């Protein structure tokens, strides 16, 4: 059986990602090391980024500039914001039973 790839996954190299995000390549490396950006390694060990990480980099920069956070604190803030998003999505899909959504009826 032969499998044909219909869509090629596009990955950006470090220089292209840094240029597109407006960040210095060394800062991009630091964000990857802190676990704030996701990247894979290419055959030669170079960093490769999915295009969706451009939005993540923009979010990090907005948070850093808007809240005057250092890069280490960004991880905590991003994690909390992601958790809030999950909880809000669960609340939106939860059937309404009346009363406060914050108080359990059990």
PDB file of N, CA and C in Angstrom:
ATOM      1  N   UNK A   1       0.838  -1.170   0.000  1.00  0.00           N
ATOM      2  CA  UNK A   1       0.000   0.000   0.000  1.00  0.00           C
ATOM      3  C   UNK A   1       0.885   1.234   0.000  1.00  0.00           C
ATOM      4  N   UNK A   2       0.574   2.168  -0.874  1.00  0.00           N
ATOM      5  CA  UNK A   2       1.326   3.405  -0.982  1.00  0.00           C
ATOM      6  C   UNK A   2       0.514   4.544  -0.388  1.00  0.00           C
ATOM      7  N   UNK A   3       1.165   5.334   0.422  1.00  0.00           N
ATOM      8  CA  UNK A   3       0.511   6.489   1.018  1.00  0.00           C
ATOM      9  C   UNK A   3       1.098   7.747   0.409  1.00  0.00           C
ATOM     10  N   UNK A   4       0.226   8.641   0.011  1.00  0.00           N
ATOM     11  CA  UNK A   4       0.663   9.899  -0.571  1.00  0.00           C
ATOM     12  C   UNK A   4       0.265  11.035   0.348  1.00  0.00           C
ATOM     13  N   UNK A   5       1.196  11.896   0.607  1.00  0.00           N
ATOM     14  CA  UNK A   5       0.916  13.058   1.434  1.00  0.00           C
ATOM     15  C   UNK A   5       0.287  14.123   0.547  1.00  0.00           C
ATOM     16  N   UNK A   6      -0.929  14.539   0.892  1.00  0.00           N
ATOM     17  CA  UNK A   6      -1.620  15.533   0.088  1.00  0.00           C
ATOM     18  C   UNK A   6      -1.262  16.958   0.492  1.00  0.00           C
ATOM     19  N   UNK A   7      -0.985  17.141   1.762  1.00  0.00           N
ATOM     20  CA  UNK A   7      -0.633  18.467   2.258  1.00  0.00           C
ATOM     21  C   UNK A   7       0.698  18.368   2.971  1.00  0.00           C
ATOM     22  N   UNK A   8       1.611  19.163   2.537  1.00  0.00           N
ATOM     23  CA  UNK A   8       2.926  19.165   3.167  1.00  0.00           C
ATOM     24  C   UNK A   8       2.887  20.101   4.371  1.00  0.00           C
ATOM     25  N   UNK A   9       3.337  19.601   5.496  1.00  0.00           N
ATOM     26  CA  UNK A   9       3.383  20.422   6.695  1.00  0.00           C
ATOM     27  C   UNK A   9       4.494  21.445   6.556  1.00  0.00           C
ATOM     28  N   UNK A  10       4.118  22.687   6.692  1.00  0.00           N
ATOM     29  CA  UNK A  10       5.097  23.754   6.579  1.00  0.00           C
ATOM     30  C   UNK A  10       5.690  24.033   7.950  1.00  0.00           C
ATOM     31  N   UNK A  11       6.969  24.070   8.024  1.00  0.00           N
ATOM     32  CA  UNK A  11       7.688  24.425   9.241  1.00  0.00           C
ATOM     33  C   UNK A  11       8.624  25.564   8.891  1.00  0.00           C
ATOM     34  N   UNK A  12       8.751  26.486   9.805  1.00  0.00           N
ATOM     35  CA  UNK A  12       9.629  27.633   9.599  1.00  0.00           C
ATOM     36  C   UNK A  12      10.946  27.403  10.315  1.00  0.00           C
ATOM     37  N   UNK A  13      12.048  27.749   9.656  1.00  0.00           N
ATOM     38  CA  UNK A  13      13.333  27.655  10.342  1.00  0.00           C
ATOM     39  C   UNK A  13      13.464  28.844  11.298  1.00  0.00           C
ATOM     40  N   UNK A  14      14.480  28.816  12.120  1.00  0.00           N
ATOM     41  CA  UNK A  14      14.661  29.825  13.154  1.00  0.00           C
ATOM     42  C   UNK A  14      14.718  31.237  12.576  1.00  0.00           C
ATOM     43  N   UNK A  15      15.503  31.441  11.549  1.00  0.00           N
ATOM     44  CA  UNK A  15      15.660  32.780  10.974  1.00  0.00           C
ATOM     45  C   UNK A  15      14.348  33.293  10.391  1.00  0.00           C
ATOM     46  N   UNK A  16      13.642  32.439   9.671  1.00  0.00           N
ATOM     47  CA  UNK A  16      12.362  32.835   9.080  1.00  0.00           C
ATOM     48  C   UNK A  16      11.341  33.140  10.169  1.00  0.00           C
ATOM     49  N   UNK A  17      11.304  32.294  11.193  1.00  0.00           N
ATOM     50  CA  UNK A  17      10.379  32.506  12.303  1.00  0.00           C
ATOM     51  C   UNK A  17      10.697  33.815  13.020  1.00  0.00           C
ATOM     52  N   UNK A  18      11.970  34.052  13.296  1.00  0.00           N
ATOM     53  CA  UNK A  18      12.372  35.271  13.995  1.00  0.00           C
ATOM     54  C   UNK A  18      12.009  36.512  13.172  1.00  0.00           C
ATOM     55  N   UNK A  19      12.254  36.468  11.896  1.00  0.00           N
ATOM     56  CA  UNK A  19      11.934  37.602  11.025  1.00  0.00           C
ATOM     57  C   UNK A  19      10.420  37.839  10.987  1.00  0.00           C
ATOM     58  N   UNK A  20       9.642  36.760  10.847  1.00  0.00           N
ATOM     59  CA  UNK A  20       8.181  36.880  10.767  1.00  0.00           C
ATOM     60  C   UNK A  20       7.570  37.348  12.083  1.00  0.00           C
ATOM     61  N   UNK A  21       8.166  36.971  13.206  1.00  0.00           N
ATOM     62  CA  UNK A  21       7.621  37.341  14.514  1.00  0.00           C
ATOM     63  C   UNK A  21       8.155  38.681  15.008  1.00  0.00           C
ATOM     64  N   UNK A  22       9.225  39.158  14.392  1.00  0.00           N
ATOM     65  CA  UNK A  22       9.830  40.411  14.836  1.00  0.00           C
ATOM     66  C   UNK A  22      10.705  40.252  16.066  1.00  0.00           C
ATOM     67  N   UNK A  23      11.038  39.008  16.405  1.00  0.00           N
ATOM     68  CA  UNK A  23      11.868  38.732  17.577  1.00  0.00           C
ATOM     69  C   UNK A  23      13.289  38.385  17.148  1.00  0.00           C
ATOM     70  N   UNK A  24      14.232  38.663  18.012  1.00  0.00           N
ATOM     71  CA  UNK A  24      15.624  38.294  17.754  1.00  0.00           C
ATOM     72  C   UNK A  24      15.741  36.769  17.851  1.00  0.00           C
ATOM     73  N   UNK A  25      16.522  36.139  16.981  1.00  0.00           N
ATOM     74  CA  UNK A  25      16.664  34.675  17.028  1.00  0.00           C
ATOM     75  C   UNK A  25      17.099  34.141  18.393  1.00  0.00           C
ATOM     76  N   UNK A  26      17.949  34.863  19.089  1.00  0.00           N
ATOM     77  CA  UNK A  26      18.384  34.399  20.415  1.00  0.00           C
ATOM     78  C   UNK A  26      17.227  34.423  21.405  1.00  0.00           C
ATOM     79  N   UNK A  27      16.357  35.405  21.299  1.00  0.00           N
ATOM     80  CA  UNK A  27      15.173  35.467  22.153  1.00  0.00           C
ATOM     81  C   UNK A  27      14.231  34.307  21.824  1.00  0.00           C
ATOM     82  N   UNK A  28      14.095  33.987  20.553  1.00  0.00           N
ATOM     83  CA  UNK A  28      13.264  32.840  20.160  1.00  0.00           C
ATOM     84  C   UNK A  28      13.832  31.565  20.781  1.00  0.00           C
ATOM     85  N   UNK A  29      15.145  31.385  20.726  1.00  0.00           N
ATOM     86  CA  UNK A  29      15.781  30.212  21.356  1.00  0.00           C
ATOM     87  C   UNK A  29      15.481  30.164  22.855  1.00  0.00           C
ATOM     88  N   UNK A  30      15.537  31.321  23.515  1.00  0.00           N
ATOM     89  CA  UNK A  30      15.274  31.396  24.953  1.00  0.00           C
ATOM     90  C   UNK A  30      13.818  31.020  25.249  1.00  0.00           C
ATOM     91  N   UNK A  31      12.883  31.495  24.422  1.00  0.00           N
ATOM     92  CA  UNK A  31      11.469  31.176  24.623  1.00  0.00           C
ATOM     93  C   UNK A  31      11.211  29.677  24.437  1.00  0.00           C
ATOM     94  N   UNK A  32      11.921  29.063  23.523  1.00  0.00           N
ATOM     95  CA  UNK A  32      11.817  27.615  23.340  1.00  0.00           C
ATOM     96  C   UNK A  32      12.375  26.904  24.566  1.00  0.00           C
ATOM     97  N   UNK A  33      13.526  27.361  25.058  1.00  0.00           N
ATOM     98  CA  UNK A  33      14.144  26.742  26.227  1.00  0.00           C
ATOM     99  C   UNK A  33      13.250  26.873  27.465  1.00  0.00           C
ATOM    100  N   UNK A  34      12.508  27.973  27.576  1.00  0.00           N
ATOM    101  CA  UNK A  34      11.593  28.175  28.701  1.00  0.00           C
ATOM    102  C   UNK A  34      10.284  27.407  28.523  1.00  0.00           C
ATOM    103  N   UNK A  35      10.098  26.804  27.348  1.00  0.00           N
ATOM    104  CA  UNK A  35       8.874  26.051  27.078  1.00  0.00           C
ATOM    105  C   UNK A  35       7.704  26.929  26.686  1.00  0.00           C
ATOM    106  N   UNK A  36       7.972  28.173  26.317  1.00  0.00           N
ATOM    107  CA  UNK A  36       6.913  29.104  25.937  1.00  0.00           C
ATOM    108  C   UNK A  36       6.547  29.007  24.463  1.00  0.00           C
ATOM    109  N   UNK A  37       7.465  28.515  23.658  1.00  0.00           N
ATOM    110  CA  UNK A  37       7.205  28.256  22.243  1.00  0.00           C
ATOM    111  C   UNK A  37       7.520  26.797  21.954  1.00  0.00           C
ATOM    112  N   UNK A  38       6.735  26.203  21.072  1.00  0.00           N
ATOM    113  CA  UNK A  38       6.960  24.813  20.687  1.00  0.00           C
ATOM    114  C   UNK A  38       7.734  24.758  19.378  1.00  0.00           C
ATOM    115  N   UNK A  39       8.729  23.917  19.362  1.00  0.00           N
ATOM    116  CA  UNK A  39       9.532  23.729  18.157  1.00  0.00           C
ATOM    117  C   UNK A  39       9.983  22.274  18.101  1.00  0.00           C
ATOM    118  N   UNK A  40      10.261  21.832  16.902  1.00  0.00           N
ATOM    119  CA  UNK A  40      10.848  20.512  16.715  1.00  0.00           C
ATOM    120  C   UNK A  40      12.257  20.704  16.176  1.00  0.00           C
ATOM    121  N   UNK A  41      12.981  19.630  16.142  1.00  0.00           N
ATOM    122  CA  UNK A  41      14.343  19.680  15.600  1.00  0.00           C
ATOM    123  C   UNK A  41      14.354  19.049  14.211  1.00  0.00           C
ATOM    124  N   UNK A  42      15.018  19.707  13.296  1.00  0.00           N
ATOM    125  CA  UNK A  42      15.172  19.179  11.950  1.00  0.00           C
ATOM    126  C   UNK A  42      16.258  18.123  11.915  1.00  0.00           C
ATOM    127  N   UNK A  43      16.537  17.579  10.740  1.00  0.00           N
ATOM    128  CA  UNK A  43      17.547  16.520  10.608  1.00  0.00           C
ATOM    129  C   UNK A  43      18.939  16.928  11.105  1.00  0.00           C
ATOM    130  N   UNK A  44      19.261  18.201  10.970  1.00  0.00           N
ATOM    131  CA  UNK A  44      20.578  18.668  11.410  1.00  0.00           C
ATOM    132  C   UNK A  44      20.528  19.259  12.817  1.00  0.00           C
ATOM    133  N   UNK A  45      19.389  19.101  13.514  1.00  0.00           N
ATOM    134  CA  UNK A  45      19.265  19.608  14.865  1.00  0.00           C
ATOM    135  C   UNK A  45      18.781  21.041  14.953  1.00  0.00           C
ATOM    136  N   UNK A  46      18.455  21.645  13.816  1.00  0.00           N
ATOM    137  CA  UNK A  46      17.995  23.031  13.812  1.00  0.00           C
ATOM    138  C   UNK A  46      16.537  23.120  14.264  1.00  0.00           C
ATOM    139  N   UNK A  47      16.192  24.251  14.846  1.00  0.00           N
ATOM    140  CA  UNK A  47      14.821  24.464  15.304  1.00  0.00           C
ATOM    141  C   UNK A  47      13.892  24.676  14.119  1.00  0.00           C
ATOM    142  N   UNK A  48      12.717  24.059  14.187  1.00  0.00           N
ATOM    143  CA  UNK A  48      11.678  24.198  13.154  1.00  0.00           C
ATOM    144  C   UNK A  48      10.366  24.507  13.866  1.00  0.00           C
ATOM    145  N   UNK A  49       9.636  25.508  13.383  1.00  0.00           N
ATOM    146  CA  UNK A  49       8.425  25.986  14.040  1.00  0.00           C
ATOM    147  C   UNK A  49       7.203  25.825  13.155  1.00  0.00           C
ATOM    148  N   UNK A  50       6.096  25.336  13.735  1.00  0.00           N
ATOM    149  CA  UNK A  50       4.841  25.354  12.981  1.00  0.00           C
ATOM    150  C   UNK A  50       4.362  26.807  12.881  1.00  0.00           C
ATOM    151  N   UNK A  51       3.706  27.178  11.791  1.00  0.00           N
ATOM    152  CA  UNK A  51       3.257  28.569  11.637  1.00  0.00           C
ATOM    153  C   UNK A  51       2.362  29.058  12.774  1.00  0.00           C
ATOM    154  N   UNK A  52       1.620  28.174  13.426  1.00  0.00           N
ATOM    155  CA  UNK A  52       0.739  28.581  14.532  1.00  0.00           C
ATOM    156  C   UNK A  52       1.527  29.184  15.688  1.00  0.00           C
ATOM    157  N   UNK A  53       2.795  28.887  15.783  1.00  0.00           N
ATOM    158  CA  UNK A  53       3.599  29.443  16.866  1.00  0.00           C
ATOM    159  C   UNK A  53       3.861  30.935  16.690  1.00  0.00           C
ATOM    160  N   UNK A  54       3.615  31.463  15.482  1.00  0.00           N
ATOM    161  CA  UNK A  54       3.723  32.909  15.287  1.00  0.00           C
ATOM    162  C   UNK A  54       2.683  33.631  16.149  1.00  0.00           C
ATOM    163  N   UNK A  55       1.476  33.078  16.225  1.00  0.00           N
ATOM    164  CA  UNK A  55       0.436  33.671  17.075  1.00  0.00           C
ATOM    165  C   UNK A  55       0.834  33.564  18.545  1.00  0.00           C
ATOM    166  N   UNK A  56       1.430  32.447  18.924  1.00  0.00           N
ATOM    167  CA  UNK A  56       1.881  32.275  20.310  1.00  0.00           C
ATOM    168  C   UNK A  56       2.967  33.292  20.647  1.00  0.00           C
ATOM    169  N   UNK A  57       3.885  33.534  19.712  1.00  0.00           N
ATOM    170  CA  UNK A  57       4.949  34.518  19.943  1.00  0.00           C
ATOM    171  C   UNK A  57       4.361  35.916  20.074  1.00  0.00           C
ATOM    172  N   UNK A  58       3.366  36.239  19.251  1.00  0.00           N
ATOM    173  CA  UNK A  58       2.727  37.555  19.339  1.00  0.00           C
ATOM    174  C   UNK A  58       2.012  37.715  20.680  1.00  0.00           C
ATOM    175  N   UNK A  59       1.359  36.655  21.135  1.00  0.00           N
ATOM    176  CA  UNK A  59       0.678  36.688  22.436  1.00  0.00           C
ATOM    177  C   UNK A  59       1.683  36.939  23.558  1.00  0.00           C
ATOM    178  N   UNK A  60       2.810  36.251  23.502  1.00  0.00           N
ATOM    179  CA  UNK A  60       3.843  36.426  24.523  1.00  0.00           C
ATOM    180  C   UNK A  60       4.352  37.863  24.551  1.00  0.00           C
ATOM    181  N   UNK A  61       4.573  38.423  23.384  1.00  0.00           N
ATOM    182  CA  UNK A  61       5.075  39.798  23.315  1.00  0.00           C
ATOM    183  C   UNK A  61       4.035  40.795  23.824  1.00  0.00           C
ATOM    184  N   UNK A  62       2.761  40.573  23.495  1.00  0.00           N
ATOM    185  CA  UNK A  62       1.703  41.456  24.002  1.00  0.00           C
ATOM    186  C   UNK A  62       1.638  41.400  25.528  1.00  0.00           C
ATOM    187  N   UNK A  63       1.717  40.204  26.079  1.00  0.00           N
ATOM    188  CA  UNK A  63       1.680  40.059  27.534  1.00  0.00           C
ATOM    189  C   UNK A  63       2.904  40.686  28.192  1.00  0.00           C
ATOM    190  N   UNK A  64       4.061  40.458  27.597  1.00  0.00           N
ATOM    191  CA  UNK A  64       5.286  41.003  28.166  1.00  0.00           C
ATOM    192  C   UNK A  64       5.246  42.524  28.170  1.00  0.00           C
ATOM    193  N   UNK A  65       4.836  43.109  27.062  1.00  0.00           N
ATOM    194  CA  UNK A  65       4.812  44.564  26.952  1.00  0.00           C
ATOM    195  C   UNK A  65       3.662  45.174  27.755  1.00  0.00           C
ATOM    196  N   UNK A  66       2.491  44.560  27.683  1.00  0.00           N
ATOM    197  CA  UNK A  66       1.314  45.123  28.336  1.00  0.00           C
ATOM    198  C   UNK A  66       1.326  45.002  29.847  1.00  0.00           C
ATOM    199  N   UNK A  67       1.891  43.919  30.349  1.00  0.00           N
ATOM    200  CA  UNK A  67       1.900  43.691  31.791  1.00  0.00           C
ATOM    201  C   UNK A  67       3.282  43.869  32.415  1.00  0.00           C
ATOM    202  N   UNK A  68       4.255  44.216  31.608  1.00  0.00           N
ATOM    203  CA  UNK A  68       5.640  44.384  32.074  1.00  0.00           C
ATOM    204  C   UNK A  68       6.147  43.141  32.799  1.00  0.00           C
ATOM    205  N   UNK A  69       5.869  41.980  32.217  1.00  0.00           N
ATOM    206  CA  UNK A  69       6.308  40.715  32.806  1.00  0.00           C
ATOM    207  C   UNK A  69       7.660  40.319  32.250  1.00  0.00           C
ATOM    208  N   UNK A  70       8.447  39.633  33.068  1.00  0.00           N
ATOM    209  CA  UNK A  70       9.669  39.060  32.530  1.00  0.00           C
ATOM    210  C   UNK A  70       9.305  37.739  31.835  1.00  0.00           C
ATOM    211  N   UNK A  71      10.221  37.216  31.077  1.00  0.00           N
ATOM    212  CA  UNK A  71       9.917  36.033  30.269  1.00  0.00           C
ATOM    213  C   UNK A  71       9.644  34.799  31.127  1.00  0.00           C
ATOM    214  N   UNK A  72      10.265  34.706  32.290  1.00  0.00           N
ATOM    215  CA  UNK A  72      10.019  33.556  33.158  1.00  0.00           C
ATOM    216  C   UNK A  72       8.581  33.575  33.688  1.00  0.00           C
ATOM    217  N   UNK A  73       8.061  34.757  34.019  1.00  0.00           N
ATOM    218  CA  UNK A  73       6.695  34.878  34.536  1.00  0.00           C
ATOM    219  C   UNK A  73       5.649  34.640  33.457  1.00  0.00           C
ATOM    220  N   UNK A  74       6.018  34.817  32.212  1.00  0.00           N
ATOM    221  CA  UNK A  74       5.064  34.611  31.124  1.00  0.00           C
ATOM    222  C   UNK A  74       4.497  33.197  31.112  1.00  0.00           C
ATOM    223  N   UNK A  75       5.301  32.217  31.466  1.00  0.00           N
ATOM    224  CA  UNK A  75       4.848  30.831  31.482  1.00  0.00           C
ATOM    225  C   UNK A  75       3.674  30.638  32.428  1.00  0.00           C
ATOM    226  N   UNK A  76       3.755  31.239  33.598  1.00  0.00           N
ATOM    227  CA  UNK A  76       2.679  31.125  34.588  1.00  0.00           C
ATOM    228  C   UNK A  76       1.422  31.814  34.065  1.00  0.00           C
ATOM    229  N   UNK A  77       1.565  33.006  33.521  1.00  0.00           N
ATOM    230  CA  UNK A  77       0.417  33.769  33.027  1.00  0.00           C
ATOM    231  C   UNK A  77      -0.237  33.053  31.847  1.00  0.00           C
ATOM    232  N   UNK A  78       0.553  32.571  30.912  1.00  0.00           N
ATOM    233  CA  UNK A  78      -0.002  31.869  29.751  1.00  0.00           C
ATOM    234  C   UNK A  78      -0.731  30.606  30.201  1.00  0.00           C
ATOM    235  N   UNK A  79      -0.152  29.880  31.138  1.00  0.00           N
ATOM    236  CA  UNK A  79      -0.802  28.672  31.648  1.00  0.00           C
ATOM    237  C   UNK A  79      -2.144  29.010  32.288  1.00  0.00           C
ATOM    238  N   UNK A  80      -2.186  30.049  33.087  1.00  0.00           N
ATOM    239  CA  UNK A  80      -3.442  30.456  33.729  1.00  0.00           C
ATOM    240  C   UNK A  80      -4.475  30.907  32.701  1.00  0.00           C
ATOM    241  N   UNK A  81      -4.057  31.673  31.716  1.00  0.00           N
ATOM    242  CA  UNK A  81      -4.986  32.112  30.678  1.00  0.00           C
ATOM    243  C   UNK A  81      -5.535  30.929  29.888  1.00  0.00           C
ATOM    244  N   UNK A  82      -4.691  29.948  29.595  1.00  0.00           N
ATOM    245  CA  UNK A  82      -5.148  28.754  28.879  1.00  0.00           C
ATOM    246  C   UNK A  82      -6.150  27.968  29.715  1.00  0.00           C
ATOM    247  N   UNK A  83      -5.896  27.862  31.014  1.00  0.00           N
ATOM    248  CA  UNK A  83      -6.826  27.149  31.901  1.00  0.00           C
ATOM    249  C   UNK A  83      -8.167  27.870  31.989  1.00  0.00           C
ATOM    250  N   UNK A  84      -8.128  29.190  32.064  1.00  0.00           N
ATOM    251  CA  UNK A  84      -9.359  29.972  32.094  1.00  0.00           C
ATOM    252  C   UNK A  84     -10.154  29.751  30.813  1.00  0.00           C
ATOM    253  N   UNK A  85      -9.472  29.732  29.692  1.00  0.00           N
ATOM    254  CA  UNK A  85     -10.138  29.501  28.401  1.00  0.00           C
ATOM    255  C   UNK A  85     -10.835  28.144  28.378  1.00  0.00           C
ATOM    256  N   UNK A  86     -10.181  27.115  28.892  1.00  0.00           N
ATOM    257  CA  UNK A  86     -10.780  25.772  28.949  1.00  0.00           C
ATOM    258  C   UNK A  86     -12.005  25.773  29.858  1.00  0.00           C
ATOM    259  N   UNK A  87     -11.887  26.404  31.017  1.00  0.00           N
ATOM    260  CA  UNK A  87     -13.016  26.459  31.950  1.00  0.00           C
ATOM    261  C   UNK A  87     -14.198  27.231  31.368  1.00  0.00           C
ATOM    262  N   UNK A  88     -13.917  28.339  30.700  1.00  0.00           N
ATOM    263  CA  UNK A  88     -14.995  29.116  30.089  1.00  0.00           C
ATOM    264  C   UNK A  88     -15.668  28.333  28.972  1.00  0.00           C
ATOM    265  N   UNK A  89     -14.891  27.592  28.193  1.00  0.00           N
ATOM    266  CA  UNK A  89     -15.470  26.770  27.125  1.00  0.00           C
ATOM    267  C   UNK A  89     -16.355  25.682  27.719  1.00  0.00           C
ATOM    268  N   UNK A  90     -15.915  25.072  28.817  1.00  0.00           N
ATOM    269  CA  UNK A  90     -16.713  24.041  29.472  1.00  0.00           C
ATOM    270  C   UNK A  90     -18.003  24.638  30.022  1.00  0.00           C
ATOM    271  N   UNK A  91     -17.925  25.842  30.545  1.00  0.00           N
ATOM    272  CA  UNK A  91     -19.115  26.511  31.066  1.00  0.00           C
ATOM    273  C   UNK A  91     -20.120  26.805  29.957  1.00  0.00           C
ATOM    274  N   UNK A  92     -19.613  27.212  28.792  1.00  0.00           N
ATOM    275  CA  UNK A  92     -20.500  27.525  27.669  1.00  0.00           C
ATOM    276  C   UNK A  92     -21.229  26.296  27.154  1.00  0.00           C
ATOM    277  N   UNK A  93     -20.592  25.141  27.222  1.00  0.00           N
ATOM    278  CA  UNK A  93     -21.210  23.914  26.702  1.00  0.00           C
ATOM    279  C   UNK A  93     -22.015  23.176  27.760  1.00  0.00           C
ATOM    280  N   UNK A  94     -21.901  23.574  29.010  1.00  0.00           N
ATOM    281  CA  UNK A  94     -22.624  22.929  30.107  1.00  0.00           C
ATOM    282  C   UNK A  94     -24.099  23.334  30.048  1.00  0.00           C
ATOM    283  N   UNK A  95     -25.002  22.370  30.203  1.00  0.00           N
ATOM    284  CA  UNK A  95     -26.429  22.724  30.183  1.00  0.00           C
ATOM    285  C   UNK A  95     -26.791  23.594  31.374  1.00  0.00           C
ATOM    286  N   UNK A  96     -27.608  24.578  31.121  1.00  0.00           N
ATOM    287  CA  UNK A  96     -28.060  25.494  32.179  1.00  0.00           C
ATOM    288  C   UNK A  96     -29.120  24.808  33.031  1.00  0.00           C
ATOM    289  N   UNK A  97     -28.946  24.883  34.352  1.00  0.00           N
ATOM    290  CA  UNK A  97     -29.926  24.302  35.266  1.00  0.00           C
ATOM    291  C   UNK A  97     -30.533  25.364  36.156  1.00  0.00           C
ATOM    292  N   UNK A  98     -30.174  26.619  35.906  1.00  0.00           N
ATOM    293  CA  UNK A  98     -30.644  27.700  36.749  1.00  0.00           C
ATOM    294  C   UNK A  98     -29.695  27.914  37.906  1.00  0.00           C
ATOM    295  N   UNK A  99     -29.784  29.059  38.518  1.00  0.00           N
ATOM    296  CA  UNK A  99     -28.887  29.359  39.633  1.00  0.00           C
ATOM    297  C   UNK A  99     -27.537  29.828  39.146  1.00  0.00           C
ATOM    298  N   UNK A 100     -26.601  29.916  40.055  1.00  0.00           N
ATOM    299  CA  UNK A 100     -25.266  30.393  39.752  1.00  0.00           C
ATOM    300  C   UNK A 100     -24.424  29.303  39.119  1.00  0.00           C
ATOM    301  N   UNK A 101     -23.668  29.628  38.062  1.00  0.00           N
ATOM    302  CA  UNK A 101     -22.805  28.622  37.449  1.00  0.00           C
ATOM    303  C   UNK A 101     -21.609  28.269  38.323  1.00  0.00           C
ATOM    304  N   UNK A 102     -21.370  29.031  39.388  1.00  0.00           N
ATOM    305  CA  UNK A 102     -20.192  28.823  40.218  1.00  0.00           C
ATOM    306  C   UNK A 102     -20.487  27.944  41.436  1.00  0.00           C
ATOM    307  N   UNK A 103     -21.765  27.701  41.708  1.00  0.00           N
ATOM    308  CA  UNK A 103     -22.139  26.934  42.874  1.00  0.00           C
ATOM    309  C   UNK A 103     -22.701  25.590  42.419  1.00  0.00           C
ATOM    310  N   UNK A 104     -22.147  24.529  42.938  1.00  0.00           N
ATOM    311  CA  UNK A 104     -22.595  23.194  42.574  1.00  0.00           C
ATOM    312  C   UNK A 104     -23.947  22.912  43.223  1.00  0.00           C
ATOM    313  N   UNK A 105     -24.800  22.208  42.482  1.00  0.00           N
ATOM    314  CA  UNK A 105     -26.122  21.878  43.014  1.00  0.00           C
ATOM    315  C   UNK A 105     -26.119  20.547  43.752  1.00  0.00           C
ATOM    316  N   UNK A 106     -24.958  19.929  43.891  1.00  0.00           N
ATOM    317  CA  UNK A 106     -24.873  18.616  44.544  1.00  0.00           C
ATOM    318  C   UNK A 106     -24.911  18.694  46.033  1.00  0.00           C
TER     319      UNK A 106
END
